[in-house]
Amino acid sequence: MVAARRACAVVLFVAAVAVMAPACGGSFSSSAEEIRSKQKKRMSGIIIPGFASTQLRAWSILDCPYSPLDFNPLDLVWLDTTKLLSAVNCWLKCMLLDPYNQTDHPECKSRPDSGLSAITELDPGYITGPLSSVWKEWVKWCIEFGIEPNAIIAAPYDWRLSPNMLEERDLYFHKLKITFETAVKIRGAPSLVFAHSLGNHVFRYFLEWLKLEIAPKHYIEWLDRHIHAYFAVGAPLLGAIEAVKGTLSGQTFGLPVSEVYICKVSGNS
């Protein structure tokens, strides 16, 4: 799995460098090629991360009995392995949403972090950092290759929510539209979309939402102006078998919580 993830990162890196990195010298024979080259150098890369690939931070004050660790605003929830191991009941209160209406737990709520730091490492630390690295190596490679700071933009989201709730609660798709438009204003060229795993469904939902948000005659025009290419990495376009396991018996993703307990607190029988 690690090898596959690294291979995907290499493919994405090559794609990003091919169209975003500064030119290494030489000249083109035609003005059209020069224009295309300059446009590629100005492109942005917008990352839409996958399932469980965005940090979540507490937006509550939660006192955890029988534990020296409490939750305070902006504390890491996903993922803080120290609190997960020492205060699992409190941690679950901050992580769980109501299975029927996707509202927060009465005692604790969490919200997605912002910026590249929200998707590079889930649990930064000497030991936990490398184990929870998601986009860090890819971003590092891009920096080493000379890609500019404003050319890589993260679009993190609350991966616990359904797409319609992402828009209803967080106005995520409105913000994503503004992100594309801002990238064009800053860089002067359309963006590359790098969507991973669940991020592909989020991006496809965004495209359908966009059809209803702007006039039909301007839809293709908007896409041409703001999106140059779309790279789908590990896209579960035909579904994901892990969803069946999670529904029937609970899914822990390797965390030290029993599947029986996860199934119980998530409302599955």
C-alpha atoms as a PDB file:
ATOM      1  CA  MET A   1       0.000   0.000   0.000  1.00  0.00           C
ATOM      2  CA  VAL A   2       2.853   2.351   0.848  1.00  0.00           C
ATOM      3  CA  ALA A   3       4.553   1.497  -2.441  1.00  0.00           C
ATOM      4  CA  ALA A   4       1.344   2.174  -4.359  1.00  0.00           C
ATOM      5  CA  ARG A   5       0.865   5.507  -2.616  1.00  0.00           C
ATOM      6  CA  ARG A   6       4.458   6.472  -3.375  1.00  0.00           C
ATOM      7  CA  ALA A   7       4.007   5.490  -7.030  1.00  0.00           C
ATOM      8  CA  CYS A   8       0.915   7.704  -7.237  1.00  0.00           C
ATOM      9  CA  ALA A   9       2.882  10.559  -5.686  1.00  0.00           C
ATOM     10  CA  VAL A  10       5.635  10.157  -8.284  1.00  0.00           C
ATOM     11  CA  VAL A  11       3.117  10.213 -11.141  1.00  0.00           C
ATOM     12  CA  LEU A  12       1.475  13.345  -9.756  1.00  0.00           C
ATOM     13  CA  PHE A  13       4.849  14.987  -9.238  1.00  0.00           C
ATOM     14  CA  VAL A  14       5.905  14.332 -12.822  1.00  0.00           C
ATOM     15  CA  ALA A  15       2.604  15.738 -14.072  1.00  0.00           C
ATOM     16  CA  ALA A  16       2.937  18.834 -11.898  1.00  0.00           C
ATOM     17  CA  VAL A  17       6.531  19.502 -12.903  1.00  0.00           C
ATOM     18  CA  ALA A  18       5.731  18.998 -16.575  1.00  0.00           C
ATOM     19  CA  VAL A  19       3.294  21.893 -16.603  1.00  0.00           C
ATOM     20  CA  MET A  20       4.132  24.042 -13.567  1.00  0.00           C
ATOM     21  CA  ALA A  21       7.908  24.098 -13.137  1.00  0.00           C
ATOM     22  CA  PRO A  22      10.028  26.933 -14.534  1.00  0.00           C
ATOM     23  CA  ALA A  23      11.592  26.341 -17.926  1.00  0.00           C
ATOM     24  CA  CYS A  24      15.189  25.149 -17.973  1.00  0.00           C
ATOM     25  CA  GLY A  25      16.449  27.178 -20.891  1.00  0.00           C
ATOM     26  CA  GLY A  26      16.194  26.897 -24.650  1.00  0.00           C
ATOM     27  CA  SER A  27      13.890  28.693 -27.051  1.00  0.00           C
ATOM     28  CA  PHE A  28      10.806  27.824 -29.026  1.00  0.00           C
ATOM     29  CA  SER A  29      10.504  28.232 -32.741  1.00  0.00           C
ATOM     30  CA  SER A  30       7.049  29.753 -32.762  1.00  0.00           C
ATOM     31  CA  SER A  31       5.295  32.432 -30.759  1.00  0.00           C
ATOM     32  CA  ALA A  32       2.376  30.056 -30.095  1.00  0.00           C
ATOM     33  CA  GLU A  33       4.703  27.634 -28.322  1.00  0.00           C
ATOM     34  CA  GLU A  34       6.170  30.487 -26.290  1.00  0.00           C
ATOM     35  CA  ILE A  35       2.699  31.549 -25.181  1.00  0.00           C
ATOM     36  CA  ARG A  36       1.803  27.983 -24.180  1.00  0.00           C
ATOM     37  CA  SER A  37       5.082  27.639 -22.291  1.00  0.00           C
ATOM     38  CA  LYS A  38       4.541  30.871 -20.359  1.00  0.00           C
ATOM     39  CA  GLN A  39       0.980  29.847 -19.544  1.00  0.00           C
ATOM     40  CA  LYS A  40       2.114  26.477 -18.191  1.00  0.00           C
ATOM     41  CA  LYS A  41       4.680  28.152 -15.951  1.00  0.00           C
ATOM     42  CA  ARG A  42       1.900  30.240 -14.397  1.00  0.00           C
ATOM     43  CA  MET A  43      -0.513  27.387 -13.716  1.00  0.00           C
ATOM     44  CA  SER A  44      -1.645  26.491 -10.211  1.00  0.00           C
ATOM     45  CA  GLY A  45      -2.142  23.044  -8.751  1.00  0.00           C
ATOM     46  CA  ILE A  46      -5.265  22.684  -6.610  1.00  0.00           C
ATOM     47  CA  ILE A  47      -5.270  19.615  -4.355  1.00  0.00           C
ATOM     48  CA  ILE A  48      -8.544  18.020  -3.273  1.00  0.00           C
ATOM     49  CA  PRO A  49      -7.502  15.399  -0.691  1.00  0.00           C
ATOM     50  CA  GLY A  50      -9.060  12.016  -0.096  1.00  0.00           C
ATOM     51  CA  PHE A  51     -10.965  10.356   2.703  1.00  0.00           C
ATOM     52  CA  ALA A  52      -9.483  10.984   6.166  1.00  0.00           C
ATOM     53  CA  SER A  53      -6.706  13.057   4.563  1.00  0.00           C
ATOM     54  CA  THR A  54      -7.523  16.427   6.136  1.00  0.00           C
ATOM     55  CA  GLN A  55      -6.726  17.455   9.693  1.00  0.00           C
ATOM     56  CA  LEU A  56      -9.719  18.162  11.916  1.00  0.00           C
ATOM     57  CA  ARG A  57      -9.409  20.583  14.851  1.00  0.00           C
ATOM     58  CA  ALA A  58     -11.604  20.979  17.909  1.00  0.00           C
ATOM     59  CA  TRP A  59     -13.921  23.941  18.115  1.00  0.00           C
ATOM     60  CA  SER A  60     -15.060  23.271  21.677  1.00  0.00           C
ATOM     61  CA  ILE A  61     -13.836  23.054  25.243  1.00  0.00           C
ATOM     62  CA  LEU A  62     -14.222  19.487  26.469  1.00  0.00           C
ATOM     63  CA  ASP A  63     -13.130  18.301  29.901  1.00  0.00           C
ATOM     64  CA  CYS A  64     -12.047  14.667  29.781  1.00  0.00           C
ATOM     65  CA  PRO A  65     -12.482  12.864  33.124  1.00  0.00           C
ATOM     66  CA  TYR A  66      -9.891  10.281  34.136  1.00  0.00           C
ATOM     67  CA  SER A  67      -7.424  11.779  31.674  1.00  0.00           C
ATOM     68  CA  PRO A  68      -4.833  14.560  32.041  1.00  0.00           C
ATOM     69  CA  LEU A  69      -5.599  15.676  28.483  1.00  0.00           C
ATOM     70  CA  ASP A  70      -8.587  17.838  27.593  1.00  0.00           C
ATOM     71  CA  PHE A  71      -9.763  19.235  24.273  1.00  0.00           C
ATOM     72  CA  ASN A  72      -9.491  22.970  23.717  1.00  0.00           C
ATOM     73  CA  PRO A  73     -10.279  25.089  20.654  1.00  0.00           C
ATOM     74  CA  LEU A  74      -7.899  24.420  17.726  1.00  0.00           C
ATOM     75  CA  ASP A  75      -6.489  21.246  19.305  1.00  0.00           C
ATOM     76  CA  LEU A  76      -5.889  18.486  16.795  1.00  0.00           C
ATOM     77  CA  VAL A  77      -8.591  15.836  16.777  1.00  0.00           C
ATOM     78  CA  TRP A  78      -7.778  14.061  13.531  1.00  0.00           C
ATOM     79  CA  LEU A  79      -5.243  13.020  14.109  1.00  0.00           C
ATOM     80  CA  ASP A  80      -3.862  13.231  17.648  1.00  0.00           C
ATOM     81  CA  THR A  81      -2.771   9.721  18.578  1.00  0.00           C
ATOM     82  CA  THR A  82      -1.835  10.770  22.125  1.00  0.00           C
ATOM     83  CA  LYS A  83      -5.385  11.832  22.942  1.00  0.00           C
ATOM     84  CA  LEU A  84      -6.800   8.927  20.997  1.00  0.00           C
ATOM     85  CA  LEU A  85      -4.901   6.500  23.215  1.00  0.00           C
ATOM     86  CA  SER A  86      -5.385   8.315  26.526  1.00  0.00           C
ATOM     87  CA  ALA A  87      -8.889   9.804  26.161  1.00  0.00           C
ATOM     88  CA  VAL A  88     -10.665   7.723  23.546  1.00  0.00           C
ATOM     89  CA  ASN A  89     -14.196   8.522  24.770  1.00  0.00           C
ATOM     90  CA  CYS A  90     -13.570  12.264  24.570  1.00  0.00           C
ATOM     91  CA  TRP A  91     -11.863  11.837  21.227  1.00  0.00           C
ATOM     92  CA  LEU A  92     -14.872  10.010  19.821  1.00  0.00           C
ATOM     93  CA  LYS A  93     -17.193  12.784  20.990  1.00  0.00           C
ATOM     94  CA  CYS A  94     -15.174  15.241  18.906  1.00  0.00           C
ATOM     95  CA  MET A  95     -15.025  12.906  15.908  1.00  0.00           C
ATOM     96  CA  LEU A  96     -18.523  11.497  15.670  1.00  0.00           C
ATOM     97  CA  LEU A  97     -21.407  13.053  13.793  1.00  0.00           C
ATOM     98  CA  ASP A  98     -25.045  12.148  14.187  1.00  0.00           C
ATOM     99  CA  PRO A  99     -25.648   9.252  11.748  1.00  0.00           C
ATOM    100  CA  TYR A 100     -29.000  10.674  10.629  1.00  0.00           C
ATOM    101  CA  ASN A 101     -28.529  14.423  10.193  1.00  0.00           C
ATOM    102  CA  GLN A 102     -24.709  14.725  10.407  1.00  0.00           C
ATOM    103  CA  THR A 103     -24.803  17.291  13.200  1.00  0.00           C
ATOM    104  CA  ASP A 104     -22.045  17.617  15.796  1.00  0.00           C
ATOM    105  CA  HIS A 105     -21.948  15.857  19.134  1.00  0.00           C
ATOM    106  CA  PRO A 106     -23.591  18.050  21.822  1.00  0.00           C
ATOM    107  CA  GLU A 107     -20.344  18.253  23.811  1.00  0.00           C
ATOM    108  CA  CYS A 108     -17.759  18.710  21.077  1.00  0.00           C
ATOM    109  CA  LYS A 109     -17.463  19.791  17.476  1.00  0.00           C
ATOM    110  CA  SER A 110     -14.570  19.628  15.023  1.00  0.00           C
ATOM    111  CA  ARG A 111     -13.848  21.515  11.838  1.00  0.00           C
ATOM    112  CA  PRO A 112     -11.309  20.999   9.028  1.00  0.00           C
ATOM    113  CA  ASP A 113      -8.026  22.856   9.154  1.00  0.00           C
ATOM    114  CA  SER A 114      -6.960  25.081   6.262  1.00  0.00           C
ATOM    115  CA  GLY A 115      -3.922  25.451   4.037  1.00  0.00           C
ATOM    116  CA  LEU A 116      -1.289  22.973   2.918  1.00  0.00           C
ATOM    117  CA  SER A 117      -0.431  22.052   6.507  1.00  0.00           C
ATOM    118  CA  ALA A 118      -3.902  20.512   6.817  1.00  0.00           C
ATOM    119  CA  ILE A 119      -3.119  17.814   4.246  1.00  0.00           C
ATOM    120  CA  THR A 120       0.641  17.237   4.453  1.00  0.00           C
ATOM    121  CA  GLU A 121       0.850  15.364   7.785  1.00  0.00           C
ATOM    122  CA  LEU A 122      -2.154  14.347   9.864  1.00  0.00           C
ATOM    123  CA  ASP A 123      -0.251  13.971  13.153  1.00  0.00           C
ATOM    124  CA  PRO A 124       2.982  16.010  12.980  1.00  0.00           C
ATOM    125  CA  GLY A 125       5.790  14.667  15.123  1.00  0.00           C
ATOM    126  CA  TYR A 126       9.151  12.935  15.007  1.00  0.00           C
ATOM    127  CA  ILE A 127       7.562   9.476  14.993  1.00  0.00           C
ATOM    128  CA  THR A 128       3.933  10.087  14.063  1.00  0.00           C
ATOM    129  CA  GLY A 129       4.689  12.560  11.263  1.00  0.00           C
ATOM    130  CA  PRO A 130       6.205  10.103   8.763  1.00  0.00           C
ATOM    131  CA  LEU A 131       3.545   7.538   9.648  1.00  0.00           C
ATOM    132  CA  SER A 132       0.721   9.982   8.905  1.00  0.00           C
ATOM    133  CA  SER A 133       2.256  11.741   5.914  1.00  0.00           C
ATOM    134  CA  VAL A 134      -0.159  12.302   3.034  1.00  0.00           C
ATOM    135  CA  TRP A 135       0.934  15.068   0.639  1.00  0.00           C
ATOM    136  CA  LYS A 136       4.141  16.153   2.389  1.00  0.00           C
ATOM    137  CA  GLU A 137       6.613  14.387   0.105  1.00  0.00           C
ATOM    138  CA  TRP A 138       4.802  15.561  -3.018  1.00  0.00           C
ATOM    139  CA  VAL A 139       4.850  19.179  -1.854  1.00  0.00           C
ATOM    140  CA  LYS A 140       8.519  18.825  -0.884  1.00  0.00           C
ATOM    141  CA  TRP A 141       9.416  17.535  -4.342  1.00  0.00           C
ATOM    142  CA  CYS A 142       7.556  20.416  -5.972  1.00  0.00           C
ATOM    143  CA  ILE A 143       9.434  22.945  -3.827  1.00  0.00           C
ATOM    144  CA  GLU A 144      12.784  21.345  -4.661  1.00  0.00           C
ATOM    145  CA  PHE A 145      11.920  21.613  -8.344  1.00  0.00           C
ATOM    146  CA  GLY A 146      11.300  25.343  -8.073  1.00  0.00           C
ATOM    147  CA  ILE A 147       7.517  25.533  -8.086  1.00  0.00           C
ATOM    148  CA  GLU A 148       6.427  28.814  -6.504  1.00  0.00           C
ATOM    149  CA  PRO A 149       4.576  29.068  -3.154  1.00  0.00           C
ATOM    150  CA  ASN A 150       1.362  30.452  -4.643  1.00  0.00           C
ATOM    151  CA  ALA A 151       1.249  27.710  -7.291  1.00  0.00           C
ATOM    152  CA  ILE A 152       0.113  24.942  -4.911  1.00  0.00           C
ATOM    153  CA  ILE A 153      -3.251  25.376  -3.226  1.00  0.00           C
ATOM    154  CA  ALA A 154      -4.972  22.944  -0.879  1.00  0.00           C
ATOM    155  CA  ALA A 155      -8.751  22.596  -0.723  1.00  0.00           C
ATOM    156  CA  PRO A 156      -9.292  20.620   2.504  1.00  0.00           C
ATOM    157  CA  TYR A 157     -12.788  19.677   3.608  1.00  0.00           C
ATOM    158  CA  ASP A 158     -14.629  17.786   6.334  1.00  0.00           C
ATOM    159  CA  TRP A 159     -14.486  14.260   4.922  1.00  0.00           C
ATOM    160  CA  ARG A 160     -17.092  13.073   7.445  1.00  0.00           C
ATOM    161  CA  LEU A 161     -19.844  14.992   5.641  1.00  0.00           C
ATOM    162  CA  SER A 162     -21.856  14.086   2.571  1.00  0.00           C
ATOM    163  CA  PRO A 163     -21.357  16.454  -0.395  1.00  0.00           C
ATOM    164  CA  ASN A 164     -24.683  18.232   0.081  1.00  0.00           C
ATOM    165  CA  MET A 165     -23.851  18.834   3.757  1.00  0.00           C
ATOM    166  CA  LEU A 166     -20.427  20.173   2.791  1.00  0.00           C
ATOM    167  CA  GLU A 167     -22.207  22.947   0.949  1.00  0.00           C
ATOM    168  CA  GLU A 168     -25.042  23.389   3.424  1.00  0.00           C
ATOM    169  CA  ARG A 169     -22.846  23.663   6.521  1.00  0.00           C
ATOM    170  CA  ASP A 170     -19.503  24.956   5.219  1.00  0.00           C
ATOM    171  CA  LEU A 171     -20.326  26.477   1.801  1.00  0.00           C
ATOM    172  CA  TYR A 172     -17.448  24.334   0.565  1.00  0.00           C
ATOM    173  CA  PHE A 173     -18.306  24.455  -3.125  1.00  0.00           C
ATOM    174  CA  HIS A 174     -18.790  28.218  -3.075  1.00  0.00           C
ATOM    175  CA  LYS A 175     -15.341  28.502  -1.508  1.00  0.00           C
ATOM    176  CA  LEU A 176     -13.841  26.057  -4.023  1.00  0.00           C
ATOM    177  CA  LYS A 177     -15.235  28.118  -6.895  1.00  0.00           C
ATOM    178  CA  ILE A 178     -13.677  31.235  -5.394  1.00  0.00           C
ATOM    179  CA  THR A 179     -10.379  29.334  -5.003  1.00  0.00           C
ATOM    180  CA  PHE A 180     -10.280  28.575  -8.739  1.00  0.00           C
ATOM    181  CA  GLU A 181     -11.152  32.159  -9.619  1.00  0.00           C
ATOM    182  CA  THR A 182      -8.562  33.571  -7.226  1.00  0.00           C
ATOM    183  CA  ALA A 183      -5.882  31.273  -8.662  1.00  0.00           C
ATOM    184  CA  VAL A 184      -6.552  32.661 -12.139  1.00  0.00           C
ATOM    185  CA  LYS A 185      -6.297  36.232 -10.848  1.00  0.00           C
ATOM    186  CA  ILE A 186      -3.015  35.510  -9.053  1.00  0.00           C
ATOM    187  CA  ARG A 187      -1.333  33.309 -11.646  1.00  0.00           C
ATOM    188  CA  GLY A 188      -3.060  34.429 -14.839  1.00  0.00           C
ATOM    189  CA  ALA A 189      -3.746  30.883 -16.052  1.00  0.00           C
ATOM    190  CA  PRO A 190      -6.135  27.985 -15.369  1.00  0.00           C
ATOM    191  CA  SER A 191      -5.383  25.395 -12.706  1.00  0.00           C
ATOM    192  CA  LEU A 192      -4.543  21.721 -12.590  1.00  0.00           C
ATOM    193  CA  VAL A 193      -6.818  19.685 -10.333  1.00  0.00           C
ATOM    194  CA  PHE A 194      -5.180  16.886  -8.333  1.00  0.00           C
ATOM    195  CA  ALA A 195      -7.962  14.852  -6.710  1.00  0.00           C
ATOM    196  CA  HIS A 196      -7.215  11.800  -4.598  1.00  0.00           C
ATOM    197  CA  SER A 197      -9.600   9.032  -3.540  1.00  0.00           C
ATOM    198  CA  LEU A 198     -12.817  10.562  -2.154  1.00  0.00           C
ATOM    199  CA  GLY A 199     -11.636  13.921  -3.470  1.00  0.00           C
ATOM    200  CA  ASN A 200     -12.611  12.744  -6.950  1.00  0.00           C
ATOM    201  CA  HIS A 201     -16.242  12.365  -5.929  1.00  0.00           C
ATOM    202  CA  VAL A 202     -16.091  15.757  -4.230  1.00  0.00           C
ATOM    203  CA  PHE A 203     -14.714  17.342  -7.404  1.00  0.00           C
ATOM    204  CA  ARG A 204     -17.311  15.648  -9.616  1.00  0.00           C
ATOM    205  CA  TYR A 205     -20.048  16.821  -7.256  1.00  0.00           C
ATOM    206  CA  PHE A 206     -18.579  20.323  -7.515  1.00  0.00           C
ATOM    207  CA  LEU A 207     -18.897  20.192 -11.308  1.00  0.00           C
ATOM    208  CA  GLU A 208     -22.555  19.184 -11.024  1.00  0.00           C
ATOM    209  CA  TRP A 209     -23.178  21.892  -8.421  1.00  0.00           C
ATOM    210  CA  LEU A 210     -21.515  24.420 -10.719  1.00  0.00           C
ATOM    211  CA  LYS A 211     -24.007  23.642 -13.499  1.00  0.00           C
ATOM    212  CA  LEU A 212     -26.777  24.901 -11.233  1.00  0.00           C
ATOM    213  CA  GLU A 213     -24.780  27.838  -9.893  1.00  0.00           C
ATOM    214  CA  ILE A 214     -23.950  29.577 -13.170  1.00  0.00           C
ATOM    215  CA  ALA A 215     -25.845  30.028 -16.416  1.00  0.00           C
ATOM    216  CA  PRO A 216     -25.639  26.950 -18.701  1.00  0.00           C
ATOM    217  CA  LYS A 217     -24.156  28.967 -21.561  1.00  0.00           C
ATOM    218  CA  HIS A 218     -21.309  30.096 -19.287  1.00  0.00           C
ATOM    219  CA  TYR A 219     -20.559  26.668 -17.755  1.00  0.00           C
ATOM    220  CA  ILE A 220     -18.086  25.420 -20.395  1.00  0.00           C
ATOM    221  CA  GLU A 221     -16.608  28.895 -20.649  1.00  0.00           C
ATOM    222  CA  TRP A 222     -15.960  28.901 -16.887  1.00  0.00           C
ATOM    223  CA  LEU A 223     -14.306  25.461 -17.041  1.00  0.00           C
ATOM    224  CA  ASP A 224     -12.060  26.482 -19.934  1.00  0.00           C
ATOM    225  CA  ARG A 225     -10.983  29.621 -18.127  1.00  0.00           C
ATOM    226  CA  HIS A 226     -10.327  28.087 -14.704  1.00  0.00           C
ATOM    227  CA  ILE A 227      -9.421  24.380 -15.163  1.00  0.00           C
ATOM    228  CA  HIS A 228      -6.662  23.217 -17.493  1.00  0.00           C
ATOM    229  CA  ALA A 229      -6.568  19.510 -16.584  1.00  0.00           C
ATOM    230  CA  TYR A 230      -7.881  17.046 -14.024  1.00  0.00           C
ATOM    231  CA  PHE A 231      -5.751  14.237 -12.556  1.00  0.00           C
ATOM    232  CA  ALA A 232      -7.783  11.511 -10.827  1.00  0.00           C
ATOM    233  CA  VAL A 233      -5.654   9.459  -8.427  1.00  0.00           C
ATOM    234  CA  GLY A 234      -7.083   6.333  -6.815  1.00  0.00           C
ATOM    235  CA  ALA A 235     -10.578   7.415  -7.815  1.00  0.00           C
ATOM    236  CA  PRO A 236     -13.311   5.147  -6.366  1.00  0.00           C
ATOM    237  CA  LEU A 237     -15.588   5.862  -9.318  1.00  0.00           C
ATOM    238  CA  LEU A 238     -17.172   2.402  -9.078  1.00  0.00           C
ATOM    239  CA  GLY A 239     -17.467   2.532  -5.292  1.00  0.00           C
ATOM    240  CA  ALA A 240     -15.253   1.308  -2.454  1.00  0.00           C
ATOM    241  CA  ILE A 241     -15.593  -2.127  -0.868  1.00  0.00           C
ATOM    242  CA  GLU A 242     -14.413  -0.761   2.492  1.00  0.00           C
ATOM    243  CA  ALA A 243     -17.738   1.078   2.795  1.00  0.00           C
ATOM    244  CA  VAL A 244     -19.521  -2.280   3.032  1.00  0.00           C
ATOM    245  CA  LYS A 245     -17.233  -3.442   5.824  1.00  0.00           C
ATOM    246  CA  GLY A 246     -17.648  -0.143   7.655  1.00  0.00           C
ATOM    247  CA  THR A 247     -21.430  -0.381   7.446  1.00  0.00           C
ATOM    248  CA  LEU A 248     -21.703  -4.010   8.507  1.00  0.00           C
ATOM    249  CA  SER A 249     -19.023  -4.387  11.156  1.00  0.00           C
ATOM    250  CA  GLY A 250     -17.282  -1.038  11.671  1.00  0.00           C
ATOM    251  CA  GLN A 251     -14.021   0.274  10.239  1.00  0.00           C
ATOM    252  CA  THR A 252     -11.146   1.379  12.471  1.00  0.00           C
ATOM    253  CA  PHE A 253      -8.478   2.221   9.839  1.00  0.00           C
ATOM    254  CA  GLY A 254      -5.898   0.569  12.072  1.00  0.00           C
ATOM    255  CA  LEU A 255      -6.659   2.767  15.090  1.00  0.00           C
ATOM    256  CA  PRO A 256      -6.670   1.149  18.559  1.00  0.00           C
ATOM    257  CA  VAL A 257     -10.482   1.114  18.849  1.00  0.00           C
ATOM    258  CA  SER A 258     -12.545  -2.068  18.611  1.00  0.00           C
ATOM    259  CA  GLU A 259     -14.769  -2.527  15.571  1.00  0.00           C
ATOM    260  CA  VAL A 260     -17.637  -3.513  17.870  1.00  0.00           C
ATOM    261  CA  TYR A 261     -17.386  -0.185  19.692  1.00  0.00           C
ATOM    262  CA  ILE A 262     -17.168   1.794  16.451  1.00  0.00           C
ATOM    263  CA  CYS A 263     -20.223  -0.015  15.119  1.00  0.00           C
ATOM    264  CA  LYS A 264     -22.116   0.698  18.339  1.00  0.00           C
ATOM    265  CA  VAL A 265     -21.368   4.421  18.582  1.00  0.00           C
ATOM    266  CA  SER A 266     -22.019   4.990  14.881  1.00  0.00           C
ATOM    267  CA  GLY A 267     -25.545   3.667  15.216  1.00  0.00           C
ATOM    268  CA  ASN A 268     -25.119   0.424  13.248  1.00  0.00           C
ATOM    269  CA  SER A 269     -26.699  -2.701  14.654  1.00  0.00           C
END
